[in-house]
Amino acid sequence: MEWRNWWLIGIYGPHEDDEKLNFLQELHDLRALCNGPFLIARDFNLIYQAMNKKNANLNTALMGHFGHFLDDVEVKEIQGRKYTWFSE
């Protein structure tokens, strides 16, 4: 049997908006170091689609940055639940 190496990146993204762009850049830089397949697991604390949020309080600039990041590093979403966290 031939084993293939792959990377697992476990993350929990920052809550503060002013830290999120730096966080995405760090992940982008980390991805560049990973040769081969990779999986990013846990919580980005970001969304890229309005349908991923229950209310209408959206930061469209951050959504755009996150969408570009996902495209750039060629990430595909695997998600079982529509909302993973909710507070009233």
Protein backbone atom coordinates (compact mmCIF):
# COMPACT_ATOMS: atom_id res chain seq x y z
CA MET A 1 0.00 0.00 0.00
CA GLU A 2 1.31 3.44 -0.90
CA TRP A 3 0.77 6.17 1.70
CA ARG A 4 0.10 9.67 0.57
CA ASN A 5 0.97 12.63 2.80
CA TRP A 6 -1.63 15.30 3.50
CA TRP A 7 -1.97 18.25 5.85
CA LEU A 8 -4.50 18.99 8.58
CA ILE A 9 -4.77 22.61 9.68
CA GLY A 10 -6.93 23.10 12.77
CA ILE A 11 -8.04 26.70 13.29
CA TYR A 12 -10.27 28.94 15.36
CA GLY A 13 -10.50 32.37 13.75
CA PRO A 14 -10.45 35.66 15.61
CA HIS A 15 -13.68 37.32 16.73
CA GLU A 16 -12.56 40.89 16.08
CA ASP A 17 -12.99 42.12 12.50
CA ASP A 18 -9.71 44.08 12.54
CA GLU A 19 -7.79 40.81 13.12
CA LYS A 20 -9.48 38.75 10.40
CA LEU A 21 -7.51 39.97 7.37
CA ASN A 22 -4.21 39.19 9.10
CA PHE A 23 -5.59 35.78 10.03
CA LEU A 24 -6.48 35.05 6.40
CA GLN A 25 -3.02 36.14 5.29
CA GLU A 26 -1.39 33.84 7.85
CA LEU A 27 -3.51 30.93 6.60
CA HIS A 28 -2.63 31.79 3.00
CA ASP A 29 1.07 31.78 3.88
CA LEU A 30 0.70 28.49 5.78
CA ARG A 31 -1.08 26.89 2.84
CA ALA A 32 1.85 27.83 0.59
CA LEU A 33 4.09 25.68 2.81
CA CYS A 34 1.84 22.60 2.49
CA ASN A 35 2.78 20.39 -0.44
CA GLY A 36 -0.13 18.19 -1.41
CA PRO A 37 -3.70 17.84 -0.20
CA PHE A 38 -4.87 19.64 2.93
CA LEU A 39 -7.89 19.99 5.17
CA ILE A 40 -8.72 23.10 7.18
CA ALA A 41 -10.93 22.16 10.10
CA ARG A 42 -12.81 24.09 12.80
CA ASP A 43 -14.18 27.64 12.75
CA PHE A 44 -13.05 30.55 10.61
CA ASN A 45 -15.46 32.98 12.36
CA LEU A 46 -16.13 34.31 8.86
CA ILE A 47 -18.82 33.77 6.24
CA TYR A 48 -18.70 34.22 2.48
CA GLN A 49 -22.43 34.00 1.75
CA ALA A 50 -25.32 35.89 3.34
CA MET A 51 -27.31 32.65 3.57
CA ASN A 52 -24.75 31.42 6.15
CA LYS A 53 -25.97 33.98 8.67
CA LYS A 54 -29.33 34.11 10.39
CA ASN A 55 -29.58 37.92 10.64
CA ALA A 56 -28.90 40.72 8.15
CA ASN A 57 -25.91 42.21 10.01
CA LEU A 58 -23.31 41.52 7.28
CA ASN A 59 -19.79 42.78 6.67
CA THR A 60 -19.72 42.45 2.89
CA ALA A 61 -16.09 43.58 2.65
CA LEU A 62 -14.94 40.73 4.92
CA MET A 63 -17.24 38.33 3.08
CA GLY A 64 -15.50 39.31 -0.16
CA HIS A 65 -12.02 38.86 1.31
CA PHE A 66 -12.97 35.46 2.69
CA GLY A 67 -14.45 34.35 -0.64
CA HIS A 68 -11.27 35.40 -2.46
CA PHE A 69 -9.17 33.52 0.08
CA LEU A 70 -11.22 30.34 -0.40
CA ASP A 71 -10.88 30.61 -4.18
CA ASP A 72 -7.16 31.38 -4.01
CA VAL A 73 -6.24 28.40 -1.84
CA GLU A 74 -8.77 26.18 -3.67
CA VAL A 75 -10.81 25.16 -0.62
CA LYS A 76 -14.06 23.23 -1.01
CA GLU A 77 -16.66 23.50 1.75
CA ILE A 78 -17.83 20.43 3.65
CA GLN A 79 -20.54 21.31 6.14
CA GLY A 80 -23.34 19.35 7.74
CA ARG A 81 -25.29 22.13 9.46
CA LYS A 82 -26.40 25.47 8.10
CA TYR A 83 -25.54 27.34 11.32
CA THR A 84 -22.87 26.08 13.66
CA TRP A 85 -23.48 28.78 16.28
CA PHE A 86 -26.45 30.94 17.19
CA SER A 87 -27.10 33.55 19.86
CA GLU A 88 -30.24 35.60 20.26
